Amino acid sequence: MNDVLTLDDVRLGGKVVLYRVDVNSPLEPSSGAFLDDSRLRAILPTLKYLQNSKVVIIGHQSRPGKNDFTDMSQHADRISRLIGKKIKFIPDICGDKAIIAIQNLKIGEMLFLDNIRMHDDENSMKKASPEKTASSEIILKLAPLIDVYVTDAFAAAHRNSPSLTGFSEVVPCIAGRLMAKEIDNLHIAVNDPPRPYIAILGGTKCDDSLRVAKNLIDKEIIDTIPVVGVVGNMMLWASGIDIGEGNKSFIRNTLGDAFEETWDMAVYLYENHSEFFLLPIDVAVEVNGDRVAMSVEDLPTKNPIYDIGIGTLMQIRPLMINAGCILWNGPASYFELPGFAFGTIEVLNMCTESSAVTIVGGGHTSALVSNRGVVDHVTHNSTGGGACLTMLSGGFMPVIDSLTRSHKKFLSILSALDLDN
């Protein structure tokens, strides 16, 4: 990554490092306990690299008004236990408590400031320019106390706010281990994949998935796109197959205001690029709580389509066996229901058994890989849901853009800051 500084480009021993993370995690509603700590585990390589620095961690949990909007005390505690080193929680962001705590840091010590979204600027400056975000109190108060800013907040890399993009104007900004890994692997998926390249797109976010499909087709790097889940249902509908009023209503309601634009894209893709798409040939519907197999030829149905069928899986399998690169984003089924997990689990098994470069998109798909303990069996399991989809669809990534701008601005003076090798 010649246009982004990474930890391999600098040495940070003894330096004060502001470390922006995205450890936003699902919490159990009644107890507030972590339901999944994979995002916390994902930042451990960078924290271990920074063990001889003075580390100030900032991050967020949910957003104001949500039930899981909390302080970061339990995040600090969980990371402390994961890394085997005390991380002190400071119930402040950029006030006197935070400033004094940072000034008193000793080499090897780490602290975690409070939920950055508890500061009004973080929420009110989402559309501000980089120069404007740099004028936030967050930047003005914290930047003079630090030597460098390191970010692993890939899951928020498609967003803009002072803590995400504002520091690039005033201090050297560096991609942490996680951020660098995400950029490298998703760059392969959108620019230089080994061929044949297979992209399995599913889940309920039809608009995002179809933007990914269009980007890969426009770049002329994709060979086959099996569509599954609700995305598969929508493409069946766009191809002229009546999937039933209930299933069509579900798609309309899920997409809301984005339905018309997404429908037009689905029709455009099928009419102009149908050769790239592998549509389901059979499905499984829910009838009184039971799984019932149905050929696509027997549609429409009054029942909800909750999975792909065995015939569809048998079409996908040889493609994955012979693939050079596999991208998978979005479940193939309503896998939270045990009777309809089959299609999604089989796609996961194919990914883990393949010798191809396997890149798993964020969100539910990534969580499934983590929860089933097969992270080591795929090439890359992205921590970003929306960020991953934005990057795969060729969208603008403010955080990566800020890293690029910082690299250009500060590379020439890194030696003066004693940060270079």
Protein backbone atom coordinates (compact mmCIF):
# COMPACT_ATOMS: atom_id res chain seq x y z
CA MET A 1 0.00 0.00 0.00
CA ASN A 2 2.24 2.76 -1.27
CA ASP A 3 -0.39 5.45 -0.70
CA VAL A 4 -1.10 4.57 2.96
CA LEU A 5 1.35 4.42 5.85
CA THR A 6 1.30 1.18 7.85
CA LEU A 7 2.98 0.05 11.05
CA ASP A 8 5.72 -1.52 8.92
CA ASP A 9 6.75 1.98 7.81
CA VAL A 10 7.29 3.44 11.29
CA ARG A 11 8.66 2.67 14.73
CA LEU A 12 6.56 3.94 17.59
CA GLY A 13 8.42 2.84 20.72
CA GLY A 14 8.05 5.48 23.42
CA LYS A 15 5.60 7.55 21.31
CA VAL A 16 2.14 8.68 22.39
CA VAL A 17 -0.24 6.89 20.03
CA LEU A 18 -3.92 7.74 19.68
CA TYR A 19 -5.49 4.47 18.53
CA ARG A 20 -8.96 4.66 16.92
CA VAL A 21 -10.82 1.35 16.92
CA ASP A 22 -14.27 0.11 16.00
CA VAL A 23 -15.18 -2.36 18.73
CA ASN A 24 -18.91 -1.72 18.43
CA SER A 25 -20.29 -5.10 19.53
CA PRO A 26 -23.66 -6.82 20.03
CA LEU A 27 -24.64 -6.76 23.69
CA GLU A 28 -27.15 -8.88 25.60
CA PRO A 29 -30.05 -6.46 26.28
CA SER A 30 -30.67 -7.25 29.95
CA SER A 31 -27.11 -7.75 31.23
CA GLY A 32 -25.12 -5.74 28.69
CA ALA A 33 -22.72 -8.68 28.32
CA PHE A 34 -20.88 -9.21 25.04
CA LEU A 35 -22.64 -11.58 22.66
CA ASP A 36 -19.67 -11.48 20.28
CA ASP A 37 -16.20 -10.06 20.99
CA SER A 38 -14.63 -10.76 17.59
CA ARG A 39 -14.05 -7.07 16.89
CA LEU A 40 -12.14 -6.75 20.17
CA ARG A 41 -10.01 -9.76 19.30
CA ALA A 42 -9.32 -8.30 15.87
CA ILE A 43 -7.38 -5.33 17.32
CA LEU A 44 -5.04 -7.44 19.47
CA PRO A 45 -2.24 -7.66 16.85
CA THR A 46 -1.94 -3.87 16.74
CA LEU A 47 -2.09 -3.53 20.53
CA LYS A 48 0.70 -6.09 20.86
CA TYR A 49 2.77 -4.15 18.34
CA LEU A 50 2.23 -0.98 20.38
CA GLN A 51 3.24 -2.54 23.72
CA ASN A 52 6.27 -0.23 23.99
CA SER A 53 4.30 2.91 23.20
CA LYS A 54 1.99 5.10 25.28
CA VAL A 55 -1.43 4.13 23.94
CA VAL A 56 -4.67 6.11 24.11
CA ILE A 57 -7.62 4.11 22.70
CA ILE A 58 -10.77 5.77 21.40
CA GLY A 59 -13.84 4.03 20.03
CA HIS A 60 -17.61 3.90 20.08
CA GLN A 61 -20.42 1.61 21.13
CA SER A 62 -23.70 2.10 19.29
CA ARG A 63 -25.08 5.66 19.05
CA PRO A 64 -27.13 8.07 21.21
CA GLY A 65 -30.71 6.95 21.71
CA LYS A 66 -30.01 3.23 21.30
CA ASN A 67 -30.39 0.76 24.18
CA ASP A 68 -26.82 -0.50 23.74
CA PHE A 69 -25.26 2.99 23.83
CA THR A 70 -22.88 2.59 26.77
CA ASP A 71 -19.57 3.81 28.12
CA MET A 72 -16.41 1.89 27.18
CA SER A 73 -15.58 0.50 30.62
CA GLN A 74 -16.51 -3.10 29.81
CA HIS A 75 -14.66 -2.87 26.49
CA ALA A 76 -11.52 -1.82 28.35
CA ASP A 77 -12.01 -4.67 30.80
CA ARG A 78 -12.58 -7.31 28.11
CA ILE A 79 -9.56 -6.19 26.07
CA SER A 80 -7.45 -6.20 29.26
CA ARG A 81 -8.33 -9.85 29.80
CA LEU A 82 -7.79 -10.77 26.15
CA ILE A 83 -4.35 -9.19 25.96
CA GLY A 84 -3.26 -9.98 29.52
CA LYS A 85 -2.46 -6.36 30.31
CA LYS A 86 -4.33 -3.71 32.29
CA ILE A 87 -6.07 -1.09 30.17
CA LYS A 88 -7.37 1.74 32.34
CA PHE A 89 -10.78 3.21 31.53
CA ILE A 90 -11.04 7.01 31.70
CA PRO A 91 -14.64 8.34 31.94
CA ASP A 92 -13.82 11.36 29.79
CA ILE A 93 -13.06 12.13 26.13
CA CYS A 94 -11.10 15.34 25.85
CA GLY A 95 -11.66 17.11 29.16
CA ASP A 96 -9.29 17.58 32.10
CA LYS A 97 -9.49 13.93 33.25
CA ALA A 98 -8.50 12.67 29.82
CA ILE A 99 -5.76 15.25 29.33
CA ILE A 100 -4.15 14.56 32.71
CA ALA A 101 -4.36 10.79 32.18
CA ILE A 102 -2.67 11.07 28.78
CA GLN A 103 0.04 13.39 30.10
CA ASN A 104 0.80 10.91 32.90
CA LEU A 105 1.08 7.86 30.64
CA LYS A 106 4.27 5.85 30.96
CA ILE A 107 5.84 3.71 28.25
CA GLY A 108 3.94 0.44 27.94
CA GLU A 109 0.75 1.79 29.52
CA MET A 110 -2.61 1.87 27.78
CA LEU A 111 -5.86 3.64 28.54
CA PHE A 112 -9.31 3.71 26.96
CA LEU A 113 -11.21 7.00 26.76
CA ASP A 114 -15.01 7.07 26.93
CA ASN A 115 -17.44 6.45 24.08
CA ILE A 116 -16.42 9.01 21.45
CA ARG A 117 -20.04 9.37 20.35
CA MET A 118 -20.83 10.92 23.72
CA HIS A 119 -19.18 14.05 22.31
CA ASP A 120 -21.55 16.24 20.29
CA ASP A 121 -18.96 16.98 17.58
CA GLU A 122 -18.66 13.31 16.71
CA ASN A 123 -22.36 13.18 15.86
CA SER A 124 -22.91 16.67 14.41
CA MET A 125 -19.93 16.85 12.01
CA LYS A 126 -20.56 13.74 9.92
CA LYS A 127 -20.84 15.73 6.70
CA ALA A 128 -18.08 18.23 7.47
CA SER A 129 -14.96 18.61 5.34
CA PRO A 130 -11.63 17.27 6.64
CA GLU A 131 -10.56 20.84 7.43
CA LYS A 132 -13.79 21.41 9.37
CA THR A 133 -13.53 18.18 11.36
CA ALA A 134 -9.98 19.17 12.27
CA SER A 135 -11.48 22.18 14.08
CA SER A 136 -13.47 19.92 16.43
CA GLU A 137 -12.75 20.17 20.15
CA ILE A 138 -11.81 16.49 19.99
CA ILE A 139 -8.94 17.26 17.62
CA LEU A 140 -7.93 20.57 19.19
CA LYS A 141 -7.64 19.04 22.66
CA LEU A 142 -6.14 15.62 21.83
CA ALA A 143 -3.84 16.31 18.87
CA PRO A 144 -1.28 18.37 20.87
CA LEU A 145 -0.90 15.45 23.30
CA ILE A 146 -0.02 12.76 20.75
CA ASP A 147 2.74 11.95 18.29
CA VAL A 148 0.78 9.84 15.84
CA TYR A 149 -2.70 8.52 15.11
CA VAL A 150 -3.24 4.84 14.27
CA THR A 151 -6.58 3.51 13.04
CA ASP A 152 -8.11 0.05 12.87
CA ALA A 153 -11.67 1.37 12.60
CA PHE A 154 -12.33 -0.31 9.26
CA ALA A 155 -15.93 -1.10 10.15
CA ALA A 156 -16.54 2.67 10.21
CA ALA A 157 -14.23 3.49 7.28
CA HIS A 158 -17.20 4.45 5.10
CA ARG A 159 -18.16 7.16 7.58
CA ASN A 160 -16.89 10.64 8.36
CA SER A 161 -16.47 12.25 11.79
CA PRO A 162 -13.75 14.09 13.75
CA SER A 163 -12.32 10.97 15.39
CA LEU A 164 -12.31 9.07 12.09
CA THR A 165 -10.98 11.62 9.61
CA GLY A 166 -10.09 14.84 11.43
CA PHE A 167 -6.62 13.93 12.71
CA SER A 168 -5.22 13.50 9.18
CA GLU A 169 -4.87 17.26 8.89
CA VAL A 170 -2.68 17.69 11.96
CA VAL A 171 -0.72 14.50 12.78
CA PRO A 172 0.67 11.50 10.84
CA CYS A 173 -2.08 8.91 10.41
CA ILE A 174 -1.23 5.23 10.05
CA ALA A 175 -3.18 2.08 9.23
CA GLY A 176 -3.04 -0.50 12.01
CA ARG A 177 -2.65 -4.23 11.39
CA LEU A 178 -6.39 -4.77 10.97
CA MET A 179 -6.94 -1.78 8.68
CA ALA A 180 -3.98 -2.75 6.48
CA LYS A 181 -5.25 -6.33 6.23
CA GLU A 182 -8.75 -5.17 5.26
CA ILE A 183 -7.44 -2.79 2.61
CA ASP A 184 -5.05 -5.37 1.15
CA ASN A 185 -7.58 -8.19 0.91
CA LEU A 186 -10.53 -6.16 -0.32
CA HIS A 187 -8.22 -4.56 -2.88
CA ILE A 188 -7.70 -8.07 -4.24
CA ALA A 189 -11.47 -8.59 -4.39
CA VAL A 190 -12.12 -5.42 -6.40
CA ASN A 191 -8.95 -5.06 -8.44
CA ASP A 192 -6.80 -8.16 -8.90
CA PRO A 193 -8.55 -11.44 -8.01
CA PRO A 194 -7.13 -14.80 -9.12
CA ARG A 195 -9.45 -16.25 -11.76
CA PRO A 196 -11.96 -17.79 -12.06
CA TYR A 197 -13.56 -15.30 -9.67
CA ILE A 198 -16.86 -16.27 -8.02
CA ALA A 199 -18.92 -13.77 -5.99
CA ILE A 200 -21.74 -15.25 -3.91
CA LEU A 201 -24.10 -12.43 -2.98
CA GLY A 202 -26.97 -12.92 -0.58
CA GLY A 203 -28.64 -11.62 2.54
CA THR A 204 -31.37 -8.98 2.62
CA LYS A 205 -29.41 -5.91 1.52
CA CYS A 206 -30.30 -6.23 -2.14
CA ASP A 207 -29.32 -2.64 -2.96
CA ASP A 208 -25.80 -3.05 -1.59
CA SER A 209 -25.30 -6.49 -3.15
CA LEU A 210 -26.41 -5.37 -6.60
CA ARG A 211 -24.06 -2.38 -6.44
CA VAL A 212 -21.25 -4.83 -5.69
CA ALA A 213 -22.32 -7.01 -8.63
CA LYS A 214 -22.42 -4.02 -11.00
CA ASN A 215 -18.98 -2.81 -9.87
CA LEU A 216 -17.38 -6.23 -10.42
CA ILE A 217 -19.03 -6.58 -13.83
CA ASP A 218 -18.03 -3.06 -14.87
CA LYS A 219 -14.43 -3.78 -13.86
CA GLU A 220 -14.51 -6.94 -16.00
CA ILE A 221 -12.97 -9.05 -13.24
CA ILE A 222 -15.85 -11.38 -12.33
CA ASP A 223 -16.72 -14.75 -13.86
CA THR A 224 -19.88 -15.92 -12.07
CA ILE A 225 -22.22 -14.37 -9.50
CA PRO A 226 -24.42 -16.93 -7.71
CA VAL A 227 -27.21 -14.94 -6.03
CA VAL A 228 -28.81 -16.44 -2.93
CA GLY A 229 -30.99 -15.35 -0.03
CA VAL A 230 -33.28 -12.40 -0.62
CA VAL A 231 -30.91 -11.14 -3.33
CA GLY A 232 -31.54 -14.39 -5.19
CA ASN A 233 -35.29 -13.98 -4.75
CA MET A 234 -35.16 -10.46 -6.15
CA MET A 235 -33.12 -11.53 -9.18
CA LEU A 236 -35.58 -14.36 -9.83
CA TRP A 237 -38.35 -11.77 -9.76
CA ALA A 238 -36.40 -9.44 -12.06
CA SER A 239 -35.90 -12.33 -14.49
CA GLY A 240 -39.68 -12.63 -14.87
CA ILE A 241 -40.43 -15.37 -12.33
CA ASP A 242 -43.35 -14.69 -9.98
CA ILE A 243 -42.05 -15.45 -6.48
CA GLY A 244 -45.38 -14.79 -4.78
CA GLU A 245 -46.95 -11.65 -3.34
CA GLY A 246 -45.67 -12.25 0.19
CA ASN A 247 -42.07 -12.57 -0.96
CA LYS A 248 -42.38 -9.53 -3.23
CA SER A 249 -43.90 -7.49 -0.39
CA PHE A 250 -41.03 -8.50 1.90
CA ILE A 251 -38.50 -7.17 -0.60
CA ARG A 252 -40.45 -3.94 -1.07
CA ASN A 253 -40.77 -3.37 2.68
CA THR A 254 -37.14 -4.25 3.40
CA LEU A 255 -35.82 -1.82 0.80
CA GLY A 256 -38.33 0.93 1.57
CA ASP A 257 -37.49 4.13 -0.32
CA ALA A 258 -34.63 2.34 -2.08
CA PHE A 259 -36.93 -0.19 -3.75
CA GLU A 260 -37.54 1.54 -7.08
CA GLU A 261 -33.86 2.28 -7.70
CA THR A 262 -32.86 -1.24 -6.64
CA TRP A 263 -35.56 -2.82 -8.81
CA ASP A 264 -34.38 -0.84 -11.82
CA MET A 265 -30.81 -2.02 -11.16
CA ALA A 266 -31.91 -5.65 -10.84
CA VAL A 267 -33.79 -5.50 -14.14
CA TYR A 268 -30.86 -3.71 -15.83
CA LEU A 269 -28.36 -6.32 -14.59
CA TYR A 270 -30.50 -9.24 -15.71
CA GLU A 271 -31.34 -7.78 -19.10
CA ASN A 272 -27.76 -6.69 -19.88
CA HIS A 273 -25.54 -9.07 -17.92
CA SER A 274 -27.55 -12.24 -17.24
CA GLU A 275 -24.61 -14.38 -18.38
CA PHE A 276 -22.79 -13.54 -15.14
CA PHE A 277 -25.63 -14.54 -12.80
CA LEU A 278 -26.40 -18.00 -11.48
CA LEU A 279 -29.99 -17.89 -10.22
CA PRO A 280 -31.52 -20.44 -7.83
CA ILE A 281 -33.19 -23.41 -9.52
CA ASP A 282 -34.90 -24.59 -6.32
CA VAL A 283 -35.81 -23.12 -2.95
CA ALA A 284 -37.14 -24.09 0.46
CA VAL A 285 -40.31 -22.48 1.80
CA GLU A 286 -41.76 -22.42 5.29
CA VAL A 287 -45.12 -24.20 5.67
CA ASN A 288 -46.52 -24.28 9.21
CA GLY A 289 -43.02 -24.23 10.65
CA ASP A 290 -41.71 -26.96 8.37
CA ARG A 291 -39.15 -26.83 5.54
CA VAL A 292 -40.66 -27.75 2.19
CA ALA A 293 -38.58 -28.08 -0.98
CA MET A 294 -39.88 -26.42 -4.13
CA SER A 295 -38.60 -26.10 -7.69
CA VAL A 296 -38.44 -22.58 -9.08
CA GLU A 297 -40.63 -23.91 -11.90
CA ASP A 298 -43.41 -24.42 -9.33
CA LEU A 299 -43.43 -20.79 -8.19
CA PRO A 300 -45.28 -18.60 -7.24
CA THR A 301 -45.88 -19.58 -3.63
CA LYS A 302 -47.93 -18.10 -0.83
CA ASN A 303 -45.27 -19.20 1.64
CA PRO A 304 -42.05 -17.34 2.54
CA ILE A 305 -38.92 -18.46 0.71
CA TYR A 306 -36.35 -18.98 3.44
CA ASP A 307 -33.53 -20.96 1.77
CA ILE A 308 -32.02 -22.19 -1.46
CA GLY A 309 -32.38 -25.83 -2.39
CA ILE A 310 -30.02 -28.75 -2.86
CA GLY A 311 -30.08 -28.42 -6.66
CA THR A 312 -28.90 -24.82 -6.42
CA LEU A 313 -26.10 -25.82 -4.05
CA MET A 314 -25.03 -28.56 -6.46
CA GLN A 315 -24.76 -25.91 -9.20
CA ILE A 316 -22.59 -23.69 -6.98
CA ARG A 317 -20.24 -26.40 -5.68
CA PRO A 318 -18.18 -27.09 -8.86
CA LEU A 319 -17.74 -23.35 -9.40
CA MET A 320 -16.24 -23.00 -5.94
CA ILE A 321 -14.06 -26.09 -6.28
CA ASN A 322 -12.48 -24.68 -9.44
CA ALA A 323 -12.38 -21.03 -8.34
CA GLY A 324 -9.22 -18.98 -7.98
CA CYS A 325 -10.98 -16.44 -5.77
CA ILE A 326 -14.29 -16.55 -3.87
CA LEU A 327 -16.09 -13.55 -2.43
CA TRP A 328 -19.04 -14.32 -0.16
CA ASN A 329 -21.26 -11.62 1.26
CA GLY A 330 -24.68 -12.31 2.73
CA PRO A 331 -26.39 -15.48 4.01
CA ALA A 332 -28.07 -17.86 1.60
CA SER A 333 -31.02 -18.37 3.92
CA TYR A 334 -32.91 -17.36 7.04
CA PHE A 335 -30.22 -19.24 8.93
CA GLU A 336 -31.34 -18.11 12.38
CA LEU A 337 -34.15 -20.67 12.01
CA PRO A 338 -32.54 -24.12 12.45
CA GLY A 339 -34.69 -25.67 9.73
CA PHE A 340 -33.45 -23.16 7.18
CA ALA A 341 -29.76 -22.89 8.06
CA PHE A 342 -28.82 -25.60 5.57
CA GLY A 343 -28.05 -23.45 2.53
CA THR A 344 -25.95 -20.92 4.44
CA ILE A 345 -23.98 -23.59 6.30
CA GLU A 346 -23.29 -25.46 3.06
CA VAL A 347 -21.98 -22.28 1.39
CA LEU A 348 -19.77 -21.73 4.43
CA ASN A 349 -18.48 -25.30 4.20
CA MET A 350 -17.67 -24.82 0.52
CA CYS A 351 -15.70 -21.68 1.35
CA THR A 352 -13.68 -23.39 4.07
CA GLU A 353 -13.00 -26.46 1.93
CA SER A 354 -11.92 -24.51 -1.15
CA SER A 355 -8.27 -23.94 -2.05
CA ALA A 356 -9.21 -20.57 -3.56
CA VAL A 357 -8.49 -17.17 -2.04
CA THR A 358 -11.63 -16.81 0.09
CA ILE A 359 -12.83 -13.37 1.17
CA VAL A 360 -15.88 -13.22 3.42
CA GLY A 361 -17.80 -9.96 3.63
CA GLY A 362 -18.84 -8.36 6.89
CA GLY A 363 -22.09 -8.35 8.84
CA HIS A 364 -23.98 -11.59 9.41
CA THR A 365 -21.67 -13.59 7.15
CA SER A 366 -18.55 -12.55 9.04
CA ALA A 367 -20.21 -13.21 12.41
CA LEU A 368 -21.17 -16.72 11.26
CA VAL A 369 -17.56 -17.49 10.32
CA SER A 370 -16.39 -16.25 13.74
CA ASN A 371 -19.10 -18.04 15.72
CA ARG A 372 -18.43 -21.37 14.02
CA GLY A 373 -14.71 -21.09 14.71
CA VAL A 374 -13.54 -21.31 11.11
CA VAL A 375 -11.80 -17.92 10.76
CA ASP A 376 -8.50 -19.71 10.12
CA HIS A 377 -10.08 -21.63 7.23
CA VAL A 378 -10.77 -18.55 5.08
CA THR A 379 -8.24 -16.13 3.65
CA HIS A 380 -9.94 -13.03 5.04
CA ASN A 381 -12.98 -12.46 7.24
CA SER A 382 -13.89 -8.79 7.09
CA THR A 383 -14.85 -6.93 10.28
CA GLY A 384 -16.82 -4.34 8.33
CA GLY A 385 -20.44 -4.72 7.24
CA GLY A 386 -21.37 -1.48 5.51
CA ALA A 387 -17.73 -0.54 5.05
CA CYS A 388 -16.96 -3.81 3.30
CA LEU A 389 -19.93 -3.43 0.97
CA THR A 390 -19.06 0.19 0.23
CA MET A 391 -15.50 -0.74 -0.71
CA LEU A 392 -16.61 -3.72 -2.80
CA SER A 393 -19.10 -1.55 -4.68
CA GLY A 394 -16.47 1.09 -5.46
CA GLY A 395 -17.91 3.67 -3.07
CA PHE A 396 -16.01 6.47 -1.34
CA MET A 397 -14.20 5.51 1.88
CA PRO A 398 -13.52 8.68 3.94
CA VAL A 399 -11.18 7.00 6.43
CA ILE A 400 -8.99 5.45 3.73
CA ASP A 401 -9.00 8.77 1.90
CA SER A 402 -7.84 10.50 5.11
CA LEU A 403 -4.98 8.00 5.47
CA THR A 404 -3.93 8.71 1.90
CA ARG A 405 -4.01 12.46 2.44
CA SER A 406 -2.02 12.16 5.66
CA HIS A 407 0.60 10.04 3.93
CA LYS A 408 1.13 12.72 1.30
CA LYS A 409 1.22 15.47 3.91
CA PHE A 410 3.52 13.93 6.50
CA LEU A 411 5.80 11.48 4.69
CA SER A 412 8.47 14.12 4.09
CA ILE A 413 8.67 15.09 7.77
CA LEU A 414 8.44 11.65 9.39
CA SER A 415 12.19 11.60 9.99
CA ALA A 416 11.94 14.86 11.91
CA LEU A 417 9.33 13.22 14.13
CA ASP A 418 11.61 10.17 14.61
CA LEU A 419 8.87 7.86 13.36
CA ASP A 420 10.58 6.41 10.33
CA ASN A 421 12.70 3.31 10.11
